Amino acid sequence: MLALITKLVLSTWLLASAFLLAQTAASTWNVLVVASLFAAVAFLTLALPGRPGFRWWGAALAAWLLVSTMLVPQASLGTVIHDVVMAMLLATSTFFLPASWATHWKQEHAPAHR
């Protein structure tokens, strides 16, 4: 539950930052889409706990935010730094926050029993 709350807090802040920080139109839409999809992935991860593949979607969104920060024109250096830090936080929350991470890892890599 802590993982979901943290991901939702990060997503909410990312959504708010699209309006609170100096952003270009393209970067605003990019941040809005990434934040919305990341929140949806967080809910899907909770709703379907046996599907560890959703972590990869969260990681892909974090990677896209990092790459797009460099590709999409930005309004200020502060916005670039903010988006890079947010991408790192999203990636960290995706892979290292869930308490059941070790359980998922064991399930994904467990040898097949005969």
PDB file of N, CA and C in Angstrom:
ATOM      1  N   MET A   1       0.825  -1.192   0.000  1.00  0.00           N
ATOM      2  CA  MET A   1       0.000   0.000   0.000  1.00  0.00           C
ATOM      3  C   MET A   1       0.870   1.257   0.000  1.00  0.00           C
ATOM      4  N   LEU A   2       2.012   1.178   0.715  1.00  0.00           N
ATOM      5  CA  LEU A   2       2.932   2.312   0.730  1.00  0.00           C
ATOM      6  C   LEU A   2       3.439   2.625  -0.671  1.00  0.00           C
ATOM      7  N   ALA A   3       3.689   1.579  -1.454  1.00  0.00           N
ATOM      8  CA  ALA A   3       4.164   1.775  -2.818  1.00  0.00           C
ATOM      9  C   ALA A   3       3.119   2.514  -3.645  1.00  0.00           C
ATOM     10  N   LEU A   4       1.857   2.115  -3.530  1.00  0.00           N
ATOM     11  CA  LEU A   4       0.794   2.772  -4.285  1.00  0.00           C
ATOM     12  C   LEU A   4       0.666   4.235  -3.882  1.00  0.00           C
ATOM     13  N   ILE A   5       0.667   4.500  -2.595  1.00  0.00           N
ATOM     14  CA  ILE A   5       0.533   5.877  -2.113  1.00  0.00           C
ATOM     15  C   ILE A   5       1.690   6.735  -2.612  1.00  0.00           C
ATOM     16  N   THR A   6       2.892   6.208  -2.539  1.00  0.00           N
ATOM     17  CA  THR A   6       4.057   6.960  -3.008  1.00  0.00           C
ATOM     18  C   THR A   6       3.964   7.245  -4.499  1.00  0.00           C
ATOM     19  N   LYS A   7       3.577   6.240  -5.278  1.00  0.00           N
ATOM     20  CA  LYS A   7       3.441   6.434  -6.724  1.00  0.00           C
ATOM     21  C   LYS A   7       2.353   7.447  -7.049  1.00  0.00           C
ATOM     22  N   LEU A   8       1.255   7.421  -6.302  1.00  0.00           N
ATOM     23  CA  LEU A   8       0.176   8.382  -6.541  1.00  0.00           C
ATOM     24  C   LEU A   8       0.588   9.798  -6.136  1.00  0.00           C
ATOM     25  N   VAL A   9       1.344   9.927  -5.055  1.00  0.00           N
ATOM     26  CA  VAL A   9       1.847  11.243  -4.652  1.00  0.00           C
ATOM     27  C   VAL A   9       2.785  11.791  -5.731  1.00  0.00           C
ATOM     28  N   LEU A  10       3.680  10.944  -6.222  1.00  0.00           N
ATOM     29  CA  LEU A  10       4.592  11.385  -7.284  1.00  0.00           C
ATOM     30  C   LEU A  10       3.824  11.764  -8.549  1.00  0.00           C
ATOM     31  N   SER A  11       2.833  10.958  -8.912  1.00  0.00           N
ATOM     32  CA  SER A  11       2.024  11.253 -10.097  1.00  0.00           C
ATOM     33  C   SER A  11       1.242  12.551  -9.931  1.00  0.00           C
ATOM     34  N   THR A  12       0.683  12.750  -8.745  1.00  0.00           N
ATOM     35  CA  THR A  12      -0.080  13.969  -8.485  1.00  0.00           C
ATOM     36  C   THR A  12       0.811  15.196  -8.560  1.00  0.00           C
ATOM     37  N   TRP A  13       1.991  15.110  -7.972  1.00  0.00           N
ATOM     38  CA  TRP A  13       2.906  16.246  -8.049  1.00  0.00           C
ATOM     39  C   TRP A  13       3.324  16.500  -9.494  1.00  0.00           C
ATOM     40  N   LEU A  14       3.578  15.448 -10.245  1.00  0.00           N
ATOM     41  CA  LEU A  14       3.968  15.619 -11.643  1.00  0.00           C
ATOM     42  C   LEU A  14       2.847  16.278 -12.434  1.00  0.00           C
ATOM     43  N   LEU A  15       1.606  15.881 -12.168  1.00  0.00           N
ATOM     44  CA  LEU A  15       0.459  16.542 -12.811  1.00  0.00           C
ATOM     45  C   LEU A  15       0.401  18.022 -12.440  1.00  0.00           C
ATOM     46  N   ALA A  16       0.558  18.313 -11.162  1.00  0.00           N
ATOM     47  CA  ALA A  16       0.498  19.710 -10.711  1.00  0.00           C
ATOM     48  C   ALA A  16       1.651  20.523 -11.275  1.00  0.00           C
ATOM     49  N   SER A  17       2.813  19.904 -11.385  1.00  0.00           N
ATOM     50  CA  SER A  17       3.979  20.649 -11.886  1.00  0.00           C
ATOM     51  C   SER A  17       3.808  21.082 -13.326  1.00  0.00           C
ATOM     52  N   ALA A  18       2.968  20.392 -14.067  1.00  0.00           N
ATOM     53  CA  ALA A  18       2.708  20.801 -15.447  1.00  0.00           C
ATOM     54  C   ALA A  18       2.090  22.192 -15.498  1.00  0.00           C
ATOM     55  N   PHE A  19       1.388  22.562 -14.438  1.00  0.00           N
ATOM     56  CA  PHE A  19       0.733  23.869 -14.387  1.00  0.00           C
ATOM     57  C   PHE A  19       1.472  24.868 -13.507  1.00  0.00           C
ATOM     58  N   LEU A  20       2.263  24.378 -12.566  1.00  0.00           N
ATOM     59  CA  LEU A  20       2.926  25.267 -11.618  1.00  0.00           C
ATOM     60  C   LEU A  20       4.315  25.724 -12.065  1.00  0.00           C
ATOM     61  N   LEU A  21       4.978  24.925 -12.864  1.00  0.00           N
ATOM     62  CA  LEU A  21       6.317  25.277 -13.336  1.00  0.00           C
ATOM     63  C   LEU A  21       6.241  25.856 -14.742  1.00  0.00           C
ATOM     64  N   ALA A  22       7.274  26.599 -15.094  1.00  0.00           N
ATOM     65  CA  ALA A  22       7.341  27.158 -16.445  1.00  0.00           C
ATOM     66  C   ALA A  22       7.545  26.011 -17.433  1.00  0.00           C
ATOM     67  N   GLN A  23       6.567  25.786 -18.282  1.00  0.00           N
ATOM     68  CA  GLN A  23       6.613  24.687 -19.257  1.00  0.00           C
ATOM     69  C   GLN A  23       6.192  25.208 -20.624  1.00  0.00           C
ATOM     70  N   THR A  24       6.722  24.587 -21.658  1.00  0.00           N
ATOM     71  CA  THR A  24       6.214  24.844 -23.002  1.00  0.00           C
ATOM     72  C   THR A  24       4.950  23.999 -23.174  1.00  0.00           C
ATOM     73  N   ALA A  25       4.198  24.261 -24.227  1.00  0.00           N
ATOM     74  CA  ALA A  25       2.977  23.488 -24.462  1.00  0.00           C
ATOM     75  C   ALA A  25       3.293  22.012 -24.656  1.00  0.00           C
ATOM     76  N   ALA A  26       4.343  21.718 -25.407  1.00  0.00           N
ATOM     77  CA  ALA A  26       4.710  20.323 -25.659  1.00  0.00           C
ATOM     78  C   ALA A  26       5.146  19.625 -24.373  1.00  0.00           C
ATOM     79  N   SER A  27       5.933  20.289 -23.551  1.00  0.00           N
ATOM     80  CA  SER A  27       6.383  19.653 -22.310  1.00  0.00           C
ATOM     81  C   SER A  27       5.231  19.504 -21.315  1.00  0.00           C
ATOM     82  N   THR A  28       4.288  20.433 -21.334  1.00  0.00           N
ATOM     83  CA  THR A  28       3.114  20.309 -20.467  1.00  0.00           C
ATOM     84  C   THR A  28       2.328  19.054 -20.818  1.00  0.00           C
ATOM     85  N   TRP A  29       2.043  18.861 -22.094  1.00  0.00           N
ATOM     86  CA  TRP A  29       1.292  17.681 -22.507  1.00  0.00           C
ATOM     87  C   TRP A  29       2.062  16.396 -22.220  1.00  0.00           C
ATOM     88  N   ASN A  30       3.366  16.432 -22.445  1.00  0.00           N
ATOM     89  CA  ASN A  30       4.194  15.262 -22.171  1.00  0.00           C
ATOM     90  C   ASN A  30       4.108  14.876 -20.695  1.00  0.00           C
ATOM     91  N   VAL A  31       4.255  15.840 -19.812  1.00  0.00           N
ATOM     92  CA  VAL A  31       4.208  15.575 -18.370  1.00  0.00           C
ATOM     93  C   VAL A  31       2.817  15.104 -17.949  1.00  0.00           C
ATOM     94  N   LEU A  32       1.771  15.705 -18.508  1.00  0.00           N
ATOM     95  CA  LEU A  32       0.408  15.289 -18.174  1.00  0.00           C
ATOM     96  C   LEU A  32       0.149  13.837 -18.570  1.00  0.00           C
ATOM     97  N   VAL A  33       0.584  13.465 -19.749  1.00  0.00           N
ATOM     98  CA  VAL A  33       0.366  12.091 -20.224  1.00  0.00           C
ATOM     99  C   VAL A  33       1.172  11.100 -19.386  1.00  0.00           C
ATOM    100  N   VAL A  34       2.446  11.403 -19.128  1.00  0.00           N
ATOM    101  CA  VAL A  34       3.283  10.492 -18.338  1.00  0.00           C
ATOM    102  C   VAL A  34       2.709  10.331 -16.934  1.00  0.00           C
ATOM    103  N   ALA A  35       2.330  11.416 -16.293  1.00  0.00           N
ATOM    104  CA  ALA A  35       1.796  11.344 -14.930  1.00  0.00           C
ATOM    105  C   ALA A  35       0.494  10.545 -14.891  1.00  0.00           C
ATOM    106  N   SER A  36      -0.382  10.763 -15.851  1.00  0.00           N
ATOM    107  CA  SER A  36      -1.652  10.035 -15.886  1.00  0.00           C
ATOM    108  C   SER A  36      -1.439   8.543 -16.110  1.00  0.00           C
ATOM    109  N   LEU A  37      -0.583   8.206 -17.057  1.00  0.00           N
ATOM    110  CA  LEU A  37      -0.308   6.797 -17.326  1.00  0.00           C
ATOM    111  C   LEU A  37       0.401   6.126 -16.153  1.00  0.00           C
ATOM    112  N   PHE A  38       1.307   6.847 -15.490  1.00  0.00           N
ATOM    113  CA  PHE A  38       2.008   6.273 -14.344  1.00  0.00           C
ATOM    114  C   PHE A  38       1.025   5.983 -13.208  1.00  0.00           C
ATOM    115  N   ALA A  39       0.074   6.877 -12.978  1.00  0.00           N
ATOM    116  CA  ALA A  39      -0.945   6.629 -11.943  1.00  0.00           C
ATOM    117  C   ALA A  39      -1.804   5.423 -12.324  1.00  0.00           C
ATOM    118  N   ALA A  40      -2.155   5.305 -13.594  1.00  0.00           N
ATOM    119  CA  ALA A  40      -2.950   4.158 -14.043  1.00  0.00           C
ATOM    120  C   ALA A  40      -2.183   2.857 -13.856  1.00  0.00           C
ATOM    121  N   VAL A  41      -0.904   2.861 -14.168  1.00  0.00           N
ATOM    122  CA  VAL A  41      -0.076   1.667 -13.985  1.00  0.00           C
ATOM    123  C   VAL A  41       0.029   1.316 -12.499  1.00  0.00           C
ATOM    124  N   ALA A  42       0.119   2.319 -11.644  1.00  0.00           N
ATOM    125  CA  ALA A  42       0.174   2.065 -10.199  1.00  0.00           C
ATOM    126  C   ALA A  42      -1.098   1.362  -9.732  1.00  0.00           C
ATOM    127  N   PHE A  43      -2.253   1.818 -10.206  1.00  0.00           N
ATOM    128  CA  PHE A  43      -3.513   1.170  -9.831  1.00  0.00           C
ATOM    129  C   PHE A  43      -3.605  -0.248 -10.402  1.00  0.00           C
ATOM    130  N   LEU A  44      -3.147  -0.433 -11.632  1.00  0.00           N
ATOM    131  CA  LEU A  44      -3.170  -1.776 -12.222  1.00  0.00           C
ATOM    132  C   LEU A  44      -2.251  -2.737 -11.481  1.00  0.00           C
ATOM    133  N   THR A  45      -1.125  -2.232 -11.016  1.00  0.00           N
ATOM    134  CA  THR A  45      -0.202  -3.061 -10.242  1.00  0.00           C
ATOM    135  C   THR A  45      -0.871  -3.539  -8.964  1.00  0.00           C
ATOM    136  N   LEU A  46      -1.643  -2.670  -8.331  1.00  0.00           N
ATOM    137  CA  LEU A  46      -2.355  -3.045  -7.112  1.00  0.00           C
ATOM    138  C   LEU A  46      -3.512  -3.991  -7.429  1.00  0.00           C
ATOM    139  N   ALA A  47      -4.244  -3.706  -8.500  1.00  0.00           N
ATOM    140  CA  ALA A  47      -5.425  -4.498  -8.838  1.00  0.00           C
ATOM    141  C   ALA A  47      -5.070  -5.893  -9.334  1.00  0.00           C
ATOM    142  N   LEU A  48      -3.927  -6.029  -9.989  1.00  0.00           N
ATOM    143  CA  LEU A  48      -3.511  -7.317 -10.546  1.00  0.00           C
ATOM    144  C   LEU A  48      -2.144  -7.697  -9.988  1.00  0.00           C
ATOM    145  N   PRO A  49      -2.087  -8.104  -8.725  1.00  0.00           N
ATOM    146  CA  PRO A  49      -0.794  -8.319  -8.071  1.00  0.00           C
ATOM    147  C   PRO A  49       0.030  -9.457  -8.658  1.00  0.00           C
ATOM    148  N   GLY A  50      -0.581 -10.392  -9.342  1.00  0.00           N
ATOM    149  CA  GLY A  50       0.158 -11.510  -9.908  1.00  0.00           C
ATOM    150  C   GLY A  50       0.846 -11.184 -11.217  1.00  0.00           C
ATOM    151  N   ARG A  51       0.733  -9.939 -11.659  1.00  0.00           N
ATOM    152  CA  ARG A  51       1.290  -9.525 -12.938  1.00  0.00           C
ATOM    153  C   ARG A  51       2.469  -8.572 -12.729  1.00  0.00           C
ATOM    154  N   PRO A  52       3.659  -9.079 -12.507  1.00  0.00           N
ATOM    155  CA  PRO A  52       4.804  -8.199 -12.244  1.00  0.00           C
ATOM    156  C   PRO A  52       5.240  -7.394 -13.463  1.00  0.00           C
ATOM    157  N   GLY A  53       4.702  -7.676 -14.639  1.00  0.00           N
ATOM    158  CA  GLY A  53       5.073  -6.949 -15.846  1.00  0.00           C
ATOM    159  C   GLY A  53       4.715  -5.465 -15.823  1.00  0.00           C
ATOM    160  N   PHE A  54       3.791  -5.092 -14.948  1.00  0.00           N
ATOM    161  CA  PHE A  54       3.415  -3.678 -14.877  1.00  0.00           C
ATOM    162  C   PHE A  54       4.566  -2.807 -14.391  1.00  0.00           C
ATOM    163  N   ARG A  55       5.499  -3.405 -13.647  1.00  0.00           N
ATOM    164  CA  ARG A  55       6.674  -2.635 -13.223  1.00  0.00           C
ATOM    165  C   ARG A  55       7.438  -2.115 -14.432  1.00  0.00           C
ATOM    166  N   TRP A  56       7.482  -2.936 -15.484  1.00  0.00           N
ATOM    167  CA  TRP A  56       8.229  -2.523 -16.674  1.00  0.00           C
ATOM    168  C   TRP A  56       7.553  -1.362 -17.374  1.00  0.00           C
ATOM    169  N   TRP A  57       6.227  -1.300 -17.318  1.00  0.00           N
ATOM    170  CA  TRP A  57       5.527  -0.151 -17.890  1.00  0.00           C
ATOM    171  C   TRP A  57       5.871   1.116 -17.115  1.00  0.00           C
ATOM    172  N   GLY A  58       5.904   1.015 -15.789  1.00  0.00           N
ATOM    173  CA  GLY A  58       6.301   2.162 -14.971  1.00  0.00           C
ATOM    174  C   GLY A  58       7.722   2.593 -15.265  1.00  0.00           C
ATOM    175  N   ALA A  59       8.605   1.617 -15.439  1.00  0.00           N
ATOM    176  CA  ALA A  59       9.998   1.933 -15.770  1.00  0.00           C
ATOM    177  C   ALA A  59      10.100   2.574 -17.147  1.00  0.00           C
ATOM    178  N   ALA A  60       9.312   2.086 -18.093  1.00  0.00           N
ATOM    179  CA  ALA A  60       9.316   2.666 -19.437  1.00  0.00           C
ATOM    180  C   ALA A  60       8.828   4.116 -19.405  1.00  0.00           C
ATOM    181  N   LEU A  61       7.816   4.384 -18.603  1.00  0.00           N
ATOM    182  CA  LEU A  61       7.319   5.763 -18.489  1.00  0.00           C
ATOM    183  C   LEU A  61       8.365   6.668 -17.847  1.00  0.00           C
ATOM    184  N   ALA A  62       9.057   6.169 -16.830  1.00  0.00           N
ATOM    185  CA  ALA A  62      10.123   6.950 -16.201  1.00  0.00           C
ATOM    186  C   ALA A  62      11.251   7.215 -17.199  1.00  0.00           C
ATOM    187  N   ALA A  63      11.606   6.192 -17.969  1.00  0.00           N
ATOM    188  CA  ALA A  63      12.654   6.368 -18.986  1.00  0.00           C
ATOM    189  C   ALA A  63      12.218   7.361 -20.047  1.00  0.00           C
ATOM    190  N   TRP A  64      10.949   7.286 -20.456  1.00  0.00           N
ATOM    191  CA  TRP A  64      10.456   8.240 -21.452  1.00  0.00           C
ATOM    192  C   TRP A  64      10.502   9.668 -20.914  1.00  0.00           C
ATOM    193  N   LEU A  65      10.122   9.856 -19.660  1.00  0.00           N
ATOM    194  CA  LEU A  65      10.180  11.193 -19.074  1.00  0.00           C
ATOM    195  C   LEU A  65      11.610  11.714 -19.093  1.00  0.00           C
ATOM    196  N   LEU A  66      12.565  10.865 -18.780  1.00  0.00           N
ATOM    197  CA  LEU A  66      13.968  11.274 -18.795  1.00  0.00           C
ATOM    198  C   LEU A  66      14.422  11.632 -20.203  1.00  0.00           C
ATOM    199  N   VAL A  67      14.132  10.787 -21.166  1.00  0.00           N
ATOM    200  CA  VAL A  67      14.557  11.032 -22.551  1.00  0.00           C
ATOM    201  C   VAL A  67      13.824  12.231 -23.140  1.00  0.00           C
ATOM    202  N   SER A  68      12.528  12.299 -22.908  1.00  0.00           N
ATOM    203  CA  SER A  68      11.746  13.395 -23.497  1.00  0.00           C
ATOM    204  C   SER A  68      12.120  14.749 -22.912  1.00  0.00           C
ATOM    205  N   THR A  69      12.652  14.744 -21.689  1.00  0.00           N
ATOM    206  CA  THR A  69      13.108  16.005 -21.103  1.00  0.00           C
ATOM    207  C   THR A  69      14.220  16.603 -21.952  1.00  0.00           C
ATOM    208  N   MET A  70      15.018  15.744 -22.546  1.00  0.00           N
ATOM    209  CA  MET A  70      16.109  16.212 -23.399  1.00  0.00           C
ATOM    210  C   MET A  70      15.644  16.499 -24.820  1.00  0.00           C
ATOM    211  N   LEU A  71      14.564  15.858 -25.261  1.00  0.00           N
ATOM    212  CA  LEU A  71      14.109  16.008 -26.642  1.00  0.00           C
ATOM    213  C   LEU A  71      13.082  17.125 -26.833  1.00  0.00           C
ATOM    214  N   VAL A  72      12.188  17.274 -25.879  1.00  0.00           N
ATOM    215  CA  VAL A  72      11.105  18.260 -25.985  1.00  0.00           C
ATOM    216  C   VAL A  72      11.631  19.608 -25.498  1.00  0.00           C
ATOM    217  N   PRO A  73      11.363  20.679 -26.242  1.00  0.00           N
ATOM    218  CA  PRO A  73      11.827  21.994 -25.790  1.00  0.00           C
ATOM    219  C   PRO A  73      11.268  22.348 -24.409  1.00  0.00           C
ATOM    220  N   GLN A  74      12.139  22.840 -23.552  1.00  0.00           N
ATOM    221  CA  GLN A  74      11.764  23.196 -22.182  1.00  0.00           C
ATOM    222  C   GLN A  74      11.840  24.708 -22.004  1.00  0.00           C
ATOM    223  N   ALA A  75      11.080  25.212 -21.034  1.00  0.00           N
ATOM    224  CA  ALA A  75      11.026  26.657 -20.792  1.00  0.00           C
ATOM    225  C   ALA A  75      12.186  27.144 -19.928  1.00  0.00           C
ATOM    226  N   SER A  76      12.700  26.266 -19.045  1.00  0.00           N
ATOM    227  CA  SER A  76      13.774  26.715 -18.159  1.00  0.00           C
ATOM    228  C   SER A  76      14.634  25.534 -17.721  1.00  0.00           C
ATOM    229  N   LEU A  77      15.819  25.848 -17.237  1.00  0.00           N
ATOM    230  CA  LEU A  77      16.718  24.826 -16.720  1.00  0.00           C
ATOM    231  C   LEU A  77      16.127  24.179 -15.468  1.00  0.00           C
ATOM    232  N   GLY A  78      15.419  24.958 -14.667  1.00  0.00           N
ATOM    233  CA  GLY A  78      14.780  24.422 -13.468  1.00  0.00           C
ATOM    234  C   GLY A  78      13.767  23.335 -13.806  1.00  0.00           C
ATOM    235  N   THR A  79      13.029  23.515 -14.890  1.00  0.00           N
ATOM    236  CA  THR A  79      12.067  22.515 -15.321  1.00  0.00           C
ATOM    237  C   THR A  79      12.777  21.246 -15.785  1.00  0.00           C
ATOM    238  N   VAL A  80      13.879  21.413 -16.474  1.00  0.00           N
ATOM    239  CA  VAL A  80      14.658  20.248 -16.918  1.00  0.00           C
ATOM    240  C   VAL A  80      15.147  19.460 -15.708  1.00  0.00           C
ATOM    241  N   ILE A  81      15.717  20.152 -14.738  1.00  0.00           N
ATOM    242  CA  ILE A  81      16.217  19.483 -13.529  1.00  0.00           C
ATOM    243  C   ILE A  81      15.075  18.789 -12.793  1.00  0.00           C
ATOM    244  N   HIS A  82      13.945  19.468 -12.668  1.00  0.00           N
ATOM    245  CA  HIS A  82      12.775  18.891 -12.006  1.00  0.00           C
ATOM    246  C   HIS A  82      12.340  17.601 -12.696  1.00  0.00           C
ATOM    247  N   ASP A  83      12.232  17.635 -14.015  1.00  0.00           N
ATOM    248  CA  ASP A  83      11.757  16.461 -14.739  1.00  0.00           C
ATOM    249  C   ASP A  83      12.756  15.304 -14.663  1.00  0.00           C
ATOM    250  N   VAL A  84      14.045  15.606 -14.668  1.00  0.00           N
ATOM    251  CA  VAL A  84      15.058  14.555 -14.526  1.00  0.00           C
ATOM    252  C   VAL A  84      14.958  13.917 -13.143  1.00  0.00           C
ATOM    253  N   VAL A  85      14.823  14.733 -12.114  1.00  0.00           N
ATOM    254  CA  VAL A  85      14.687  14.203 -10.750  1.00  0.00           C
ATOM    255  C   VAL A  85      13.397  13.387 -10.629  1.00  0.00           C
ATOM    256  N   MET A  86      12.318  13.865 -11.202  1.00  0.00           N
ATOM    257  CA  MET A  86      11.054  13.126 -11.150  1.00  0.00           C
ATOM    258  C   MET A  86      11.168  11.788 -11.873  1.00  0.00           C
ATOM    259  N   ALA A  87      11.864  11.759 -13.002  1.00  0.00           N
ATOM    260  CA  ALA A  87      12.058  10.498 -13.722  1.00  0.00           C
ATOM    261  C   ALA A  87      12.813   9.506 -12.849  1.00  0.00           C
ATOM    262  N   MET A  88      13.822   9.988 -12.133  1.00  0.00           N
ATOM    263  CA  MET A  88      14.582   9.099 -11.242  1.00  0.00           C
ATOM    264  C   MET A  88      13.716   8.609 -10.083  1.00  0.00           C
ATOM    265  N   LEU A  89      12.890   9.485  -9.533  1.00  0.00           N
ATOM    266  CA  LEU A  89      12.004   9.077  -8.440  1.00  0.00           C
ATOM    267  C   LEU A  89      10.957   8.070  -8.911  1.00  0.00           C
ATOM    268  N   LEU A  90      10.420   8.285 -10.103  1.00  0.00           N
ATOM    269  CA  LEU A  90       9.445   7.339 -10.643  1.00  0.00           C
ATOM    270  C   LEU A  90      10.092   5.971 -10.854  1.00  0.00           C
ATOM    271  N   ALA A  91      11.284   5.955 -11.409  1.00  0.00           N
ATOM    272  CA  ALA A  91      11.978   4.680 -11.621  1.00  0.00           C
ATOM    273  C   ALA A  91      12.292   4.004 -10.298  1.00  0.00           C
ATOM    274  N   THR A  92      12.727   4.782  -9.327  1.00  0.00           N
ATOM    275  CA  THR A  92      13.037   4.220  -8.013  1.00  0.00           C
ATOM    276  C   THR A  92      11.788   3.638  -7.368  1.00  0.00           C
ATOM    277  N   SER A  93      10.681   4.349  -7.453  1.00  0.00           N
ATOM    278  CA  SER A  93       9.447   3.840  -6.849  1.00  0.00           C
ATOM    279  C   SER A  93       8.939   2.601  -7.580  1.00  0.00           C
ATOM    280  N   THR A  94       9.280   2.483  -8.840  1.00  0.00           N
ATOM    281  CA  THR A  94       8.839   1.325  -9.611  1.00  0.00           C
ATOM    282  C   THR A  94       9.576   0.059  -9.204  1.00  0.00           C
ATOM    283  N   PHE A  95      10.894   0.160  -8.999  1.00  0.00           N
ATOM    284  CA  PHE A  95      11.683  -1.045  -8.766  1.00  0.00           C
ATOM    285  C   PHE A  95      12.038  -1.319  -7.313  1.00  0.00           C
ATOM    286  N   PHE A  96      12.191  -0.289  -6.502  1.00  0.00           N
ATOM    287  CA  PHE A  96      12.745  -0.518  -5.175  1.00  0.00           C
ATOM    288  C   PHE A  96      11.785  -0.294  -4.027  1.00  0.00           C
ATOM    289  N   LEU A  97      10.629   0.272  -4.278  1.00  0.00           N
ATOM    290  CA  LEU A  97       9.729   0.598  -3.192  1.00  0.00           C
ATOM    291  C   LEU A  97       8.834  -0.551  -2.744  1.00  0.00           C
ATOM    292  N   PRO A  98       8.274  -1.348  -3.645  1.00  0.00           N
ATOM    293  CA  PRO A  98       7.303  -2.338  -3.177  1.00  0.00           C
ATOM    294  C   PRO A  98       7.903  -3.321  -2.176  1.00  0.00           C
ATOM    295  N   ALA A  99       7.178  -3.557  -1.094  1.00  0.00           N
ATOM    296  CA  ALA A  99       7.639  -4.495  -0.071  1.00  0.00           C
ATOM    297  C   ALA A  99       7.671  -5.908  -0.624  1.00  0.00           C
ATOM    298  N   SER A 100       6.845  -6.180  -1.607  1.00  0.00           N
ATOM    299  CA  SER A 100       6.771  -7.527  -2.157  1.00  0.00           C
ATOM    300  C   SER A 100       7.710  -7.715  -3.346  1.00  0.00           C
ATOM    301  N   TRP A 101       8.669  -6.820  -3.520  1.00  0.00           N
ATOM    302  CA  TRP A 101       9.573  -6.922  -4.656  1.00  0.00           C
ATOM    303  C   TRP A 101      10.317  -8.244  -4.650  1.00  0.00           C
ATOM    304  N   ALA A 102      10.815  -8.657  -3.495  1.00  0.00           N
ATOM    305  CA  ALA A 102      11.554  -9.916  -3.404  1.00  0.00           C
ATOM    306  C   ALA A 102      10.646 -11.089  -3.751  1.00  0.00           C
ATOM    307  N   THR A 103       9.404 -11.035  -3.329  1.00  0.00           N
ATOM    308  CA  THR A 103       8.454 -12.093  -3.640  1.00  0.00           C
ATOM    309  C   THR A 103       8.220 -12.173  -5.141  1.00  0.00           C
ATOM    310  N   HIS A 104       8.020 -11.009  -5.783  1.00  0.00           N
ATOM    311  CA  HIS A 104       7.828 -10.992  -7.232  1.00  0.00           C
ATOM    312  C   HIS A 104       9.063 -11.535  -7.948  1.00  0.00           C
ATOM    313  N   TRP A 105      10.235 -11.172  -7.472  1.00  0.00           N
ATOM    314  CA  TRP A 105      11.472 -11.629  -8.091  1.00  0.00           C
ATOM    315  C   TRP A 105      11.569 -13.151  -8.009  1.00  0.00           C
ATOM    316  N   LYS A 106      11.245 -13.698  -6.846  1.00  0.00           N
ATOM    317  CA  LYS A 106      11.309 -15.152  -6.672  1.00  0.00           C
ATOM    318  C   LYS A 106      10.290 -15.856  -7.559  1.00  0.00           C
ATOM    319  N   GLN A 107       9.097 -15.259  -7.697  1.00  0.00           N
ATOM    320  CA  GLN A 107       8.070 -15.872  -8.529  1.00  0.00           C
ATOM    321  C   GLN A 107       8.471 -15.849 -10.010  1.00  0.00           C
ATOM    322  N   GLU A 108       9.080 -14.758 -10.440  1.00  0.00           N
ATOM    323  CA  GLU A 108       9.479 -14.638 -11.840  1.00  0.00           C
ATOM    324  C   GLU A 108      10.621 -15.577 -12.187  1.00  0.00           C
ATOM    325  N   HIS A 109      11.506 -15.839 -11.229  1.00  0.00           N
ATOM    326  CA  HIS A 109      12.714 -16.599 -11.505  1.00  0.00           C
ATOM    327  C   HIS A 109      12.755 -17.954 -10.803  1.00  0.00           C
ATOM    328  N   ALA A 110      11.627 -18.407 -10.360  1.00  0.00           N
ATOM    329  CA  ALA A 110      11.566 -19.704  -9.677  1.00  0.00           C
ATOM    330  C   ALA A 110      11.747 -20.835 -10.700  1.00  0.00           C
ATOM    331  N   PRO A 111      12.511 -21.845 -10.331  1.00  0.00           N
ATOM    332  CA  PRO A 111      12.647 -22.985 -11.247  1.00  0.00           C
ATOM    333  C   PRO A 111      11.330 -23.754 -11.340  1.00  0.00           C
ATOM    334  N   ALA A 112      11.099 -24.329 -12.478  1.00  0.00           N
ATOM    335  CA  ALA A 112       9.859 -25.095 -12.679  1.00  0.00           C
ATOM    336  C   ALA A 112       9.954 -26.401 -11.901  1.00  0.00           C
ATOM    337  N   HIS A 113       8.883 -26.711 -11.182  1.00  0.00           N
ATOM    338  CA  HIS A 113       8.827 -27.942 -10.402  1.00  0.00           C
ATOM    339  C   HIS A 113       8.217 -29.053 -11.256  1.00  0.00           C
ATOM    340  N   ARG A 114       8.680 -30.247 -11.052  1.00  0.00           N
ATOM    341  CA  ARG A 114       8.177 -31.373 -11.843  1.00  0.00           C
ATOM    342  C   ARG A 114       7.078 -32.091 -11.144  1.00  0.00           C
TER     343      ARG A 114
END
